[in-house]
Amino acid sequence: MARKKASLDFEQSLADLQTLVERLENGELSLEDSLTAFEQGIRLTRDCQGALAQAEQKVQILLERDGELAEEPFDAEQPE
């Protein structure tokens, strides 16, 4: 259940960040609202970067074999 929650948190943060970017790009926010949105965007970006770093660490742990990291190429087309 914790994995789904973390995934949902990441997905929600990413969606929120995209919404903020669209609002900022629209150009209809006041300066104060733009600064608030920018600050929130920075927080969301850091949250997403942290989640991605944790995911990368988990992948490295899963790929570790006999005390050494076994790098494997990522192939998105490869069936599971």
C-alpha atoms as a PDB file:
ATOM      1  CA  MET A   1       0.000   0.000   0.000  1.00  0.00           C
ATOM      2  CA  ALA A   2       2.902   2.359   0.744  1.00  0.00           C
ATOM      3  CA  ARG A   3       4.216   1.903  -2.798  1.00  0.00           C
ATOM      4  CA  LYS A   4       0.894   2.937  -4.321  1.00  0.00           C
ATOM      5  CA  LYS A   5       0.713   5.977  -2.018  1.00  0.00           C
ATOM      6  CA  ALA A   6       4.250   7.065  -2.949  1.00  0.00           C
ATOM      7  CA  SER A   7       3.451   6.581  -6.617  1.00  0.00           C
ATOM      8  CA  LEU A   8       0.224   8.538  -6.292  1.00  0.00           C
ATOM      9  CA  ASP A   9       2.021  11.305  -4.384  1.00  0.00           C
ATOM     10  CA  PHE A  10       4.603  11.562  -7.160  1.00  0.00           C
ATOM     11  CA  GLU A  11       1.961  11.526  -9.864  1.00  0.00           C
ATOM     12  CA  GLN A  12      -0.111  14.136  -8.028  1.00  0.00           C
ATOM     13  CA  SER A  13       2.912  16.358  -7.435  1.00  0.00           C
ATOM     14  CA  LEU A  14       3.823  16.121 -11.105  1.00  0.00           C
ATOM     15  CA  ALA A  15       0.259  16.968 -12.166  1.00  0.00           C
ATOM     16  CA  ASP A  16       0.173  19.900  -9.737  1.00  0.00           C
ATOM     17  CA  LEU A  17       3.491  21.127 -11.099  1.00  0.00           C
ATOM     18  CA  GLN A  18       2.191  20.956 -14.657  1.00  0.00           C
ATOM     19  CA  THR A  19      -0.907  22.948 -13.656  1.00  0.00           C
ATOM     20  CA  LEU A  20       1.274  25.597 -11.989  1.00  0.00           C
ATOM     21  CA  VAL A  21       3.464  25.916 -15.062  1.00  0.00           C
ATOM     22  CA  GLU A  22       0.403  26.372 -17.261  1.00  0.00           C
ATOM     23  CA  ARG A  23      -0.942  29.067 -14.933  1.00  0.00           C
ATOM     24  CA  LEU A  24       2.410  30.873 -14.927  1.00  0.00           C
ATOM     25  CA  GLU A  25       2.745  30.634 -18.696  1.00  0.00           C
ATOM     26  CA  ASN A  26      -0.778  32.008 -19.110  1.00  0.00           C
ATOM     27  CA  GLY A  27       0.503  35.310 -17.741  1.00  0.00           C
ATOM     28  CA  GLU A  28      -2.747  36.340 -16.083  1.00  0.00           C
ATOM     29  CA  LEU A  29      -1.503  36.014 -12.475  1.00  0.00           C
ATOM     30  CA  SER A  30      -0.537  39.022 -10.426  1.00  0.00           C
ATOM     31  CA  LEU A  31       3.100  39.379  -9.409  1.00  0.00           C
ATOM     32  CA  GLU A  32       2.317  38.206  -5.873  1.00  0.00           C
ATOM     33  CA  ASP A  33       0.335  35.196  -7.116  1.00  0.00           C
ATOM     34  CA  SER A  34       3.110  34.388  -9.596  1.00  0.00           C
ATOM     35  CA  LEU A  35       5.712  34.405  -6.820  1.00  0.00           C
ATOM     36  CA  THR A  36       3.523  32.177  -4.645  1.00  0.00           C
ATOM     37  CA  ALA A  37       2.983  29.765  -7.537  1.00  0.00           C
ATOM     38  CA  PHE A  38       6.710  29.785  -8.295  1.00  0.00           C
ATOM     39  CA  GLU A  39       7.563  28.957  -4.671  1.00  0.00           C
ATOM     40  CA  GLN A  40       5.039  26.121  -4.692  1.00  0.00           C
ATOM     41  CA  GLY A  41       6.518  24.890  -7.974  1.00  0.00           C
ATOM     42  CA  ILE A  42       9.996  24.803  -6.439  1.00  0.00           C
ATOM     43  CA  ARG A  43       8.676  22.706  -3.529  1.00  0.00           C
ATOM     44  CA  LEU A  44       6.894  20.324  -5.900  1.00  0.00           C
ATOM     45  CA  THR A  45      10.014  20.022  -8.076  1.00  0.00           C
ATOM     46  CA  ARG A  46      12.120  19.127  -5.047  1.00  0.00           C
ATOM     47  CA  ASP A  47       9.524  16.566  -3.924  1.00  0.00           C
ATOM     48  CA  CYS A  48       9.534  14.970  -7.383  1.00  0.00           C
ATOM     49  CA  GLN A  49      13.334  14.951  -7.545  1.00  0.00           C
ATOM     50  CA  GLY A  50      13.463  13.278  -4.133  1.00  0.00           C
ATOM     51  CA  ALA A  51      10.972  10.624  -5.201  1.00  0.00           C
ATOM     52  CA  LEU A  52      12.948   9.944  -8.389  1.00  0.00           C
ATOM     53  CA  ALA A  53      16.203   9.675  -6.421  1.00  0.00           C
ATOM     54  CA  GLN A  54      14.589   7.157  -4.060  1.00  0.00           C
ATOM     55  CA  ALA A  55      13.286   5.143  -7.004  1.00  0.00           C
ATOM     56  CA  GLU A  56      16.763   5.135  -8.556  1.00  0.00           C
ATOM     57  CA  GLN A  57      18.263   3.861  -5.296  1.00  0.00           C
ATOM     58  CA  LYS A  58      15.687   1.081  -5.143  1.00  0.00           C
ATOM     59  CA  VAL A  59      16.478   0.053  -8.716  1.00  0.00           C
ATOM     60  CA  GLN A  60      20.197  -0.034  -7.928  1.00  0.00           C
ATOM     61  CA  ILE A  61      19.538  -2.217  -4.895  1.00  0.00           C
ATOM     62  CA  LEU A  62      17.395  -4.562  -6.961  1.00  0.00           C
ATOM     63  CA  LEU A  63      20.067  -4.834  -9.662  1.00  0.00           C
ATOM     64  CA  GLU A  64      22.885  -5.435  -7.189  1.00  0.00           C
ATOM     65  CA  ARG A  65      24.285  -8.949  -7.440  1.00  0.00           C
ATOM     66  CA  ASP A  66      27.101 -10.478  -5.372  1.00  0.00           C
ATOM     67  CA  GLY A  67      28.019  -7.107  -3.907  1.00  0.00           C
ATOM     68  CA  GLU A  68      28.503  -5.492  -7.317  1.00  0.00           C
ATOM     69  CA  LEU A  69      26.125  -3.398  -9.313  1.00  0.00           C
ATOM     70  CA  ALA A  70      25.169  -5.125 -12.524  1.00  0.00           C
ATOM     71  CA  GLU A  71      24.095  -2.424 -14.938  1.00  0.00           C
ATOM     72  CA  GLU A  72      21.567  -3.506 -17.497  1.00  0.00           C
ATOM     73  CA  PRO A  73      20.335  -1.457 -20.460  1.00  0.00           C
ATOM     74  CA  PHE A  74      16.773  -0.263 -20.268  1.00  0.00           C
ATOM     75  CA  ASP A  75      14.603  -1.424 -23.134  1.00  0.00           C
ATOM     76  CA  ALA A  76      11.090   0.013 -22.988  1.00  0.00           C
ATOM     77  CA  GLU A  77       9.987  -2.303 -25.796  1.00  0.00           C
ATOM     78  CA  GLN A  78      11.004  -5.464 -23.949  1.00  0.00           C
ATOM     79  CA  PRO A  79       7.985  -7.498 -22.752  1.00  0.00           C
ATOM     80  CA  GLU A  80       7.791  -8.374 -19.050  1.00  0.00           C
END
